[in-house]
Protein backbone atom coordinates (compact mmCIF):
# COMPACT_ATOMS: atom_id res chain seq x y z
CA MET A 1 9.42 24.26 32.25
CA VAL A 2 12.18 23.00 34.64
CA VAL A 3 11.32 19.40 33.80
CA LEU A 4 11.48 20.24 30.09
CA TRP A 5 15.06 21.52 30.21
CA TRP A 6 16.26 18.71 32.50
CA LEU A 7 14.92 16.05 30.06
CA LEU A 8 16.17 17.67 26.90
CA ALA A 9 19.31 19.51 27.99
CA ALA A 10 21.69 17.05 26.25
CA ASP A 11 19.97 17.46 22.92
CA LEU A 12 19.95 21.25 23.25
CA VAL A 13 23.75 21.23 23.93
CA ARG A 14 24.29 19.19 20.77
CA GLY A 15 22.23 21.73 18.82
CA GLN A 16 19.55 19.20 17.80
CA ILE A 17 16.68 21.62 18.28
CA SER A 18 16.42 25.20 19.46
CA ALA A 19 14.71 26.40 22.63
CA ASP A 20 12.24 28.26 20.46
CA GLY A 21 11.49 25.08 18.55
CA LEU A 22 10.67 23.29 21.83
CA ARG A 23 8.42 26.12 22.99
CA ARG A 24 6.62 26.05 19.62
CA LEU A 25 6.20 22.25 19.91
CA GLN A 26 4.65 22.61 23.37
CA GLN A 27 2.32 25.52 22.45
CA ALA A 28 1.17 23.91 19.18
CA THR A 29 0.17 20.65 20.80
CA VAL A 30 -3.49 20.43 21.79
CA LEU A 31 -5.74 18.19 23.87
CA ILE A 32 -8.70 16.73 22.05
CA GLU A 33 -11.87 15.37 23.75
CA SER A 34 -14.09 13.21 21.53
CA GLY A 35 -16.97 11.61 23.45
CA ALA A 36 -15.43 9.92 26.50
CA ASP A 37 -12.08 9.63 24.83
CA ARG A 38 -9.05 11.89 24.98
CA CYS A 39 -6.16 12.16 22.58
CA SER A 40 -3.67 14.76 21.43
CA GLY A 41 -3.21 16.76 18.22
CA VAL A 42 -1.06 19.45 16.69
CA LEU A 43 -1.75 22.82 15.10
CA ILE A 44 -0.35 22.95 11.52
CA SER A 45 -1.66 26.41 10.53
CA GLU A 46 -2.08 29.75 12.19
CA THR A 47 -5.80 29.66 11.26
CA GLY A 48 -6.61 26.50 13.15
CA LEU A 49 -5.92 23.39 11.07
CA ILE A 50 -5.14 20.47 13.41
CA ALA A 51 -3.62 17.11 12.61
CA THR A 52 -4.33 14.13 14.85
CA ALA A 53 -4.91 10.36 14.88
CA ALA A 54 -8.11 9.13 13.23
CA HIS A 55 -8.72 6.46 15.84
CA GLY A 56 -9.05 9.14 18.54
CA VAL A 57 -11.75 11.12 16.76
CA HIS A 58 -15.42 10.06 16.94
CA GLY A 59 -18.16 11.95 15.21
CA ALA A 60 -18.04 15.18 13.19
CA VAL A 61 -17.29 17.64 16.02
CA VAL A 62 -14.78 17.47 18.89
CA ARG A 63 -13.61 19.71 21.80
CA VAL A 64 -10.09 21.10 21.62
CA ARG A 65 -8.11 22.65 24.51
CA LEU A 66 -5.35 25.01 23.46
CA ALA A 67 -2.08 25.75 25.27
CA ASP A 68 -3.53 28.95 26.69
CA GLY A 69 -6.43 27.11 28.24
CA GLN A 70 -9.09 28.13 25.71
CA VAL A 71 -11.55 25.42 24.75
CA ARG A 72 -12.93 25.51 21.24
CA MET A 73 -14.93 23.16 19.09
CA ALA A 74 -13.43 21.75 15.89
CA THR A 75 -15.02 20.01 12.89
CA VAL A 76 -13.57 17.02 11.06
CA ALA A 77 -12.29 18.19 7.67
CA GLY A 78 -11.00 14.81 6.54
CA ARG A 79 -10.01 11.27 7.63
CA ASP A 80 -7.57 8.72 6.31
CA GLU A 81 -8.27 5.49 8.17
CA PRO A 82 -5.38 3.44 6.64
CA GLY A 83 -2.92 6.14 7.57
CA ASP A 84 -4.70 6.68 11.00
CA THR A 85 -4.78 10.43 10.34
CA ALA A 86 -7.54 13.01 10.72
CA LEU A 87 -7.63 16.69 9.81
CA LEU A 88 -9.66 19.06 11.99
CA ARG A 89 -10.59 22.72 11.53
CA LEU A 90 -10.92 24.81 14.68
CA GLN A 91 -14.04 26.95 14.92
CA ARG A 92 -12.90 30.55 15.51
CA ASP A 93 -13.74 34.12 14.55
CA ALA A 94 -12.24 35.57 11.38
CA ASP A 95 -10.43 38.26 13.36
CA SER A 96 -8.96 35.91 15.95
CA ASP A 97 -5.23 36.10 16.71
CA LYS A 98 -2.94 33.82 14.78
CA LEU A 99 -2.15 30.53 16.49
CA VAL A 100 1.27 28.96 17.15
CA CYS A 101 1.77 26.03 14.78
CA VAL A 102 4.57 23.77 13.58
CA PRO A 103 5.72 23.49 9.96
CA LEU A 104 5.09 20.33 8.03
CA GLY A 105 8.27 18.41 7.22
CA ASP A 106 9.04 16.04 4.34
CA SER A 107 8.22 12.39 4.31
CA GLY A 108 9.30 10.76 7.57
CA ASP A 109 10.34 7.70 5.52
CA GLU A 110 13.55 9.67 4.66
CA LEU A 111 14.64 10.06 8.29
CA THR A 112 18.00 8.51 9.11
CA VAL A 113 18.11 5.79 11.79
CA GLY A 114 19.64 7.30 14.95
CA VAL A 115 18.63 10.88 14.29
CA SER A 116 17.12 12.78 17.19
CA VAL A 117 13.34 13.40 17.32
CA PHE A 118 11.16 15.17 19.83
CA ALA A 119 7.69 14.12 20.94
CA ALA A 120 4.85 15.96 22.70
CA GLY A 121 1.49 14.88 24.04
CA PHE A 122 -1.02 14.80 26.86
CA PRO A 123 -0.59 11.44 28.66
CA VAL A 124 -3.65 10.70 30.72
CA ARG A 125 -1.60 9.92 33.82
CA GLU A 126 0.26 13.27 33.66
CA LEU A 127 -2.49 15.86 32.90
CA ARG A 128 -1.24 18.90 34.80
CA GLY A 129 -2.37 22.19 33.33
CA ASN A 130 -2.57 23.15 29.65
CA LEU A 131 0.95 22.48 28.37
CA ALA A 132 1.98 19.26 26.72
CA VAL A 133 4.64 16.92 28.13
CA LEU A 134 7.77 16.81 26.01
CA ARG A 135 10.14 13.89 25.41
CA ALA A 136 13.21 13.15 23.30
CA GLY A 137 14.31 9.99 21.44
CA VAL A 138 15.92 8.70 18.29
CA VAL A 139 14.63 7.05 15.14
CA LYS A 140 14.87 3.25 15.19
CA SER A 141 13.29 2.50 11.77
CA ALA A 142 11.44 4.39 8.99
CA ALA A 143 9.59 2.64 6.23
CA ALA A 144 6.22 2.39 4.51
CA GLY A 145 4.66 5.46 6.14
CA VAL A 146 5.50 4.32 9.66
CA LEU A 147 8.26 5.41 12.11
CA ARG A 148 9.54 3.61 15.16
CA THR A 149 11.43 5.68 17.78
CA THR A 150 12.70 5.40 21.37
CA CYS A 151 10.36 8.17 22.60
CA GLN A 152 8.39 7.16 25.68
CA LEU A 153 4.66 7.26 24.94
CA THR A 154 1.52 6.37 26.89
CA VAL A 155 -2.27 6.55 26.73
CA GLY A 156 -3.39 10.01 25.71
CA ASP A 157 -0.41 10.70 23.45
CA SER A 158 -2.11 9.36 20.30
CA GLY A 159 -2.28 12.02 17.54
CA ALA A 160 0.40 14.24 19.06
CA PRO A 161 3.35 15.49 17.07
CA LEU A 162 6.90 14.13 16.43
CA LEU A 163 9.39 16.81 15.29
CA ASP A 164 12.86 16.52 13.81
CA GLY A 165 15.86 18.63 14.85
CA GLU A 166 14.70 21.43 12.58
CA GLY A 167 11.37 21.73 14.38
CA ARG A 168 9.35 20.20 11.49
CA LEU A 169 6.48 17.78 11.88
CA VAL A 170 7.72 14.39 10.63
CA GLY A 171 5.20 12.11 12.41
CA MET A 172 2.18 11.72 14.70
CA HIS A 173 1.86 9.13 17.47
CA ARG A 174 -0.16 6.25 16.12
CA GLN A 175 0.23 3.09 18.11
CA ILE A 176 1.17 3.03 21.80
CA GLY A 177 2.20 -0.24 23.46
CA ALA A 178 3.63 -1.50 26.68
CA GLY A 179 7.20 -0.40 25.73
CA VAL A 180 8.99 1.82 23.19
CA ALA A 181 9.36 -1.21 20.82
CA SER A 182 5.59 -1.16 20.38
CA ASN A 183 5.29 2.59 19.79
CA LEU A 184 4.71 3.67 16.23
CA HIS A 185 4.27 7.04 14.46
CA SER A 186 2.52 7.87 11.22
CA THR A 187 4.54 9.90 8.70
CA PRO A 188 2.98 13.05 7.09
CA ALA A 189 2.07 11.09 3.87
CA ALA A 190 -1.57 10.62 4.87
CA LEU A 191 -1.80 14.16 6.13
CA ARG A 192 -0.56 15.49 2.81
CA ARG A 193 -3.33 13.62 1.09
CA LEU A 194 -5.95 15.10 3.41
CA LEU A 195 -4.62 18.56 2.88
CA GLN A 196 -4.91 18.13 -0.91
CA GLN A 197 -8.44 16.71 -0.67
CA ALA A 198 -9.42 19.63 1.54
CA SER A 199 -8.00 22.13 -1.03
CA VAL A 200 -5.70 23.69 1.55
CA THR A 201 -3.39 26.18 -0.15
CA SER A 202 -0.02 27.69 0.75
CA ALA A 203 -1.85 30.91 1.60
CA GLU A 204 -3.48 29.21 4.56
CA LEU A 205 -0.61 26.85 5.31
CA PRO A 206 2.75 28.64 4.86
CA ALA A 207 4.59 25.51 5.76
CA LEU A 208 2.85 23.53 3.07
CA THR A 209 5.26 20.98 1.62
CA THR A 210 6.50 21.26 -1.91
CA ALA A 211 4.75 18.06 -2.89
CA VAL A 212 1.34 19.29 -1.80
CA ALA A 213 1.93 22.72 -3.29
CA ILE A 214 2.76 21.29 -6.72
CA ALA A 215 -0.27 18.91 -6.55
CA ASN A 216 -2.61 21.82 -5.78
CA VAL A 217 -1.26 23.87 -8.67
CA LEU A 218 -1.70 20.97 -11.07
CA GLN A 219 -5.20 20.27 -9.73
CA ALA A 220 -6.06 23.91 -10.40
CA GLY A 221 -4.97 23.58 -14.02
CA GLY A 222 -1.31 24.57 -13.81
CA PRO A 223 0.53 27.86 -13.05
CA LYS A 224 -1.38 31.08 -13.75
C-alpha cells in the first residue's frame, strides 16, 4: 500500500478520490485466466457479476482470482465484440459473503478532457500477490464509446477498470500500446447493453445506471 499512496498522494490531496474509493477499486479488480491468457476484470455486483474485455475471454468458462486470494470459476453471461466487453458471472454458493464491487457510472463519453481518472489492473510484469496495481491519469479525449487517458497501461491490464473521481466505473482498458497515446478504454455503453440482455435488475446490481433501470422496466411492460 506504500506504493499506492506515493503514486496517488497528489490526487488525494486535491480531493479527486477518497482513500475508501481507492481501496474499493483495488479490492474489486480481479485477475482472469482464460486458457493460456491472462487479463483483468472488475466486480460490478456484490453477487459476482464481472465486467472485462471480450478479447481476453476464450470459451464459456474462465478462472478468476479475487483480491483475497480465492480462485473461482466464472461463466460467460454475455459478449459484445464491437464494444470489446464481456460479462461474467462468478460461480459461488447462495450463502456466500457479499463481494466488494464498484458502482457503474454514466457514459464515459460525457467525461471532461483533463478530469482525473484512476486505473487498476494486473500487469504481467508486476504480478506480486493478489492486489491490483493502481495508477492515476487524466482524460485526453472521449468520443464514440472510447476514452483515451494518460494512465500507464501494459500487458495484463486489459479488461480492468477505470474510475472517475467519484469512484464510479467509467471505462475498461481495451487497447494497450507502446505508449499512453495508444492506450484506449471502452466506456460502459456496451456493458449496459449486456446487462439489459442478461436481464440484470437493480435488485442484483444496486449501482445499476438509470438508463438500464428504465430499459428493464419498459422491457417488463412498464411500472407495476
